[in-house]
C-alpha atoms as a PDB file:
ATOM      1  CA  MET A   1      -0.097  -0.023  -0.025  1.00  0.00           C
ATOM      2  CA  GLY A   2       0.964   3.600  -0.553  1.00  0.00           C
ATOM      3  CA  ARG A   3       2.099   6.284   1.822  1.00  0.00           C
ATOM      4  CA  TRP A   4      -1.433   7.844   1.644  1.00  0.00           C
ATOM      5  CA  VAL A   5      -3.342   4.813   2.852  1.00  0.00           C
ATOM      6  CA  ARG A   6      -3.569   5.505   6.587  1.00  0.00           C
ATOM      7  CA  PRO A   7      -6.379   4.560   9.132  1.00  0.00           C
ATOM      8  CA  GLU A   8      -8.090   7.970   8.707  1.00  0.00           C
ATOM      9  CA  VAL A   9      -8.535   7.168   5.239  1.00  0.00           C
ATOM     10  CA  TYR A  10     -10.530   3.896   5.553  1.00  0.00           C
ATOM     11  CA  PRO A  11     -13.786   5.641   6.296  1.00  0.00           C
ATOM     12  CA  LEU A  12     -13.495   7.628   3.007  1.00  0.00           C
ATOM     13  CA  LEU A  13     -12.628   4.367   1.274  1.00  0.00           C
ATOM     14  CA  GLY A  14     -15.382   2.620   2.430  1.00  0.00           C
ATOM     15  CA  ALA A  15     -17.945   5.348   1.482  1.00  0.00           C
ATOM     16  CA  MET A  16     -16.493   5.617  -2.025  1.00  0.00           C
ATOM     17  CA  GLY A  17     -16.817   1.840  -2.188  1.00  0.00           C
ATOM     18  CA  PHE A  18     -20.276   2.069  -1.157  1.00  0.00           C
ATOM     19  CA  VAL A  19     -21.435   4.733  -3.574  1.00  0.00           C
ATOM     20  CA  THR A  20     -19.369   3.076  -6.604  1.00  0.00           C
ATOM     21  CA  SER A  21     -21.136  -0.121  -5.762  1.00  0.00           C
ATOM     22  CA  MET A  22     -24.617   1.699  -5.975  1.00  0.00           C
ATOM     23  CA  VAL A  23     -23.699   3.316  -9.122  1.00  0.00           C
ATOM     24  CA  VAL A  24     -22.861  -0.059 -10.648  1.00  0.00           C
ATOM     25  CA  PHE A  25     -26.051  -1.600  -9.463  1.00  0.00           C
ATOM     26  CA  GLN A  26     -28.164   1.335 -10.918  1.00  0.00           C
ATOM     27  CA  LEU A  27     -26.382   1.280 -14.304  1.00  0.00           C
ATOM     28  CA  THR A  28     -26.724  -2.489 -14.482  1.00  0.00           C
ATOM     29  CA  ARG A  29     -30.361  -2.286 -13.701  1.00  0.00           C
ATOM     30  CA  ASN A  30     -31.127   0.421 -16.135  1.00  0.00           C
ATOM     31  CA  ALA A  31     -29.210  -1.612 -18.865  1.00  0.00           C
ATOM     32  CA  LEU A  32     -30.735  -5.047 -18.465  1.00  0.00           C
ATOM     33  CA  LEU A  33     -34.301  -4.153 -17.091  1.00  0.00           C
ATOM     34  CA  ASN A  34     -35.352  -0.841 -18.370  1.00  0.00           C
ATOM     35  CA  PRO A  35     -37.697  -1.285 -21.161  1.00  0.00           C
ATOM     36  CA  ASP A  36     -36.461   1.900 -22.976  1.00  0.00           C
ATOM     37  CA  CYS A  37     -32.910   0.490 -23.272  1.00  0.00           C
ATOM     38  CA  ARG A  38     -32.935  -1.649 -26.450  1.00  0.00           C
ATOM     39  CA  ILE A  39     -29.886  -4.140 -26.166  1.00  0.00           C
ATOM     40  CA  SER A  40     -31.202  -7.069 -28.476  1.00  0.00           C
ATOM     41  CA  LYS A  41     -31.240  -6.776 -32.158  1.00  0.00           C
ATOM     42  CA  GLU A  42     -34.931  -7.607 -32.358  1.00  0.00           C
ATOM     43  CA  ASN A  43     -35.927  -4.756 -30.174  1.00  0.00           C
ATOM     44  CA  ARG A  44     -33.637  -2.288 -31.929  1.00  0.00           C
ATOM     45  CA  LYS A  45     -35.443  -2.957 -35.150  1.00  0.00           C
ATOM     46  CA  MET A  46     -38.741  -2.029 -33.835  1.00  0.00           C
ATOM     47  CA  GLY A  47     -39.472   1.705 -34.281  1.00  0.00           C
ATOM     48  CA  ILE A  48     -41.737   2.049 -31.188  1.00  0.00           C
ATOM     49  CA  LEU A  49     -42.134  -0.658 -28.613  1.00  0.00           C
ATOM     50  CA  GLU A  50     -45.524  -1.357 -27.167  1.00  0.00           C
ATOM     51  CA  ASN A  51     -44.481  -2.582 -23.670  1.00  0.00           C
ATOM     52  CA  GLU A  52     -46.713  -0.769 -21.319  1.00  0.00           C
ATOM     53  CA  GLU A  53     -46.969  -3.761 -18.967  1.00  0.00           C
ATOM     54  CA  GLU A  54     -43.081  -3.973 -18.919  1.00  0.00           C
ATOM     55  CA  GLY A  55     -42.628  -0.188 -18.091  1.00  0.00           C
ATOM     56  CA  GLU A  56     -45.265  -0.531 -15.370  1.00  0.00           C
ATOM     57  CA  LYS A  57     -43.452  -3.544 -13.922  1.00  0.00           C
ATOM     58  CA  TYR A  58     -40.104  -1.460 -14.051  1.00  0.00           C
ATOM     59  CA  ALA A  59     -41.611   1.700 -12.425  1.00  0.00           C
ATOM     60  CA  GLN A  60     -43.266  -0.137  -9.780  1.00  0.00           C
ATOM     61  CA  HIS A  61     -40.693  -2.453  -8.428  1.00  0.00           C
ATOM     62  CA  ASN A  62     -40.750  -4.245  -5.026  1.00  0.00           C
ATOM     63  CA  LEU A  63     -38.993  -1.452  -2.915  1.00  0.00           C
ATOM     64  CA  ARG A  64     -41.553   0.940  -3.999  1.00  0.00           C
ATOM     65  CA  LYS A  65     -44.461  -1.228  -3.526  1.00  0.00           C
ATOM     66  CA  TYR A  66     -42.791  -1.988   0.320  1.00  0.00           C
ATOM     67  CA  LEU A  67     -42.313   1.815   0.713  1.00  0.00           C
ATOM     68  CA  ARG A  68     -46.018   2.655  -0.120  1.00  0.00           C
ATOM     69  CA  THR A  69     -47.110   0.566   3.055  1.00  0.00           C
ATOM     70  CA  ARG A  70     -44.812   2.429   5.288  1.00  0.00           C
ATOM     71  CA  PRO A  71     -45.406   5.809   7.125  1.00  0.00           C
ATOM     72  CA  PRO A  72     -43.671   8.639   5.299  1.00  0.00           C
ATOM     73  CA  GLN A  73     -41.249   9.405   8.355  1.00  0.00           C
ATOM     74  CA  VAL A  74     -37.650   8.886   8.782  1.00  0.00           C
ATOM     75  CA  MET A  75     -37.610   8.379  12.534  1.00  0.00           C
ATOM     76  CA  PRO A  76     -41.340   7.513  13.678  1.00  0.00           C
ATOM     77  CA  SER A  77     -40.432   6.939  17.289  1.00  0.00           C
ATOM     78  CA  LEU A  78     -38.389  10.150  17.519  1.00  0.00           C
ATOM     79  CA  ASN A  79     -41.231  12.101  16.016  1.00  0.00           C
ATOM     80  CA  ARG A  80     -43.772  10.599  18.328  1.00  0.00           C
ATOM     81  CA  PHE A  81     -41.480  11.352  21.267  1.00  0.00           C
ATOM     82  CA  PHE A  82     -41.450  15.093  20.514  1.00  0.00           C
ATOM     83  CA  SER A  83     -45.005  15.567  19.134  1.00  0.00           C
ATOM     84  CA  GLU A  84     -46.713  13.956  22.340  1.00  0.00           C
ATOM     85  CA  GLU A  85     -47.876  16.398  24.866  1.00  0.00           C
ATOM     86  CA  GLU A  86     -46.471  16.271  28.499  1.00  0.00           C
ATOM     87  CA  HIS A  87     -48.959  15.490  31.020  1.00  0.00           C
END
């Protein structure tokens, strides 16, 4: 390892590694699952793709379905603690 790799740098390396993995995941997801991205030769030949069902499936993925059932709060217990009236 080089001279600049010190223990103080490890959190930065961890954060950059995490962000890089998120970018790679999103790019791969878009390239492979996005209905507007045409990789196969058959899809590229078509002028307009009629794939409303595939687009809906891409837009309404499992994480979004899960988050719809959750309250739109970051820390619900902390919000309850500060919003309750003291008796």
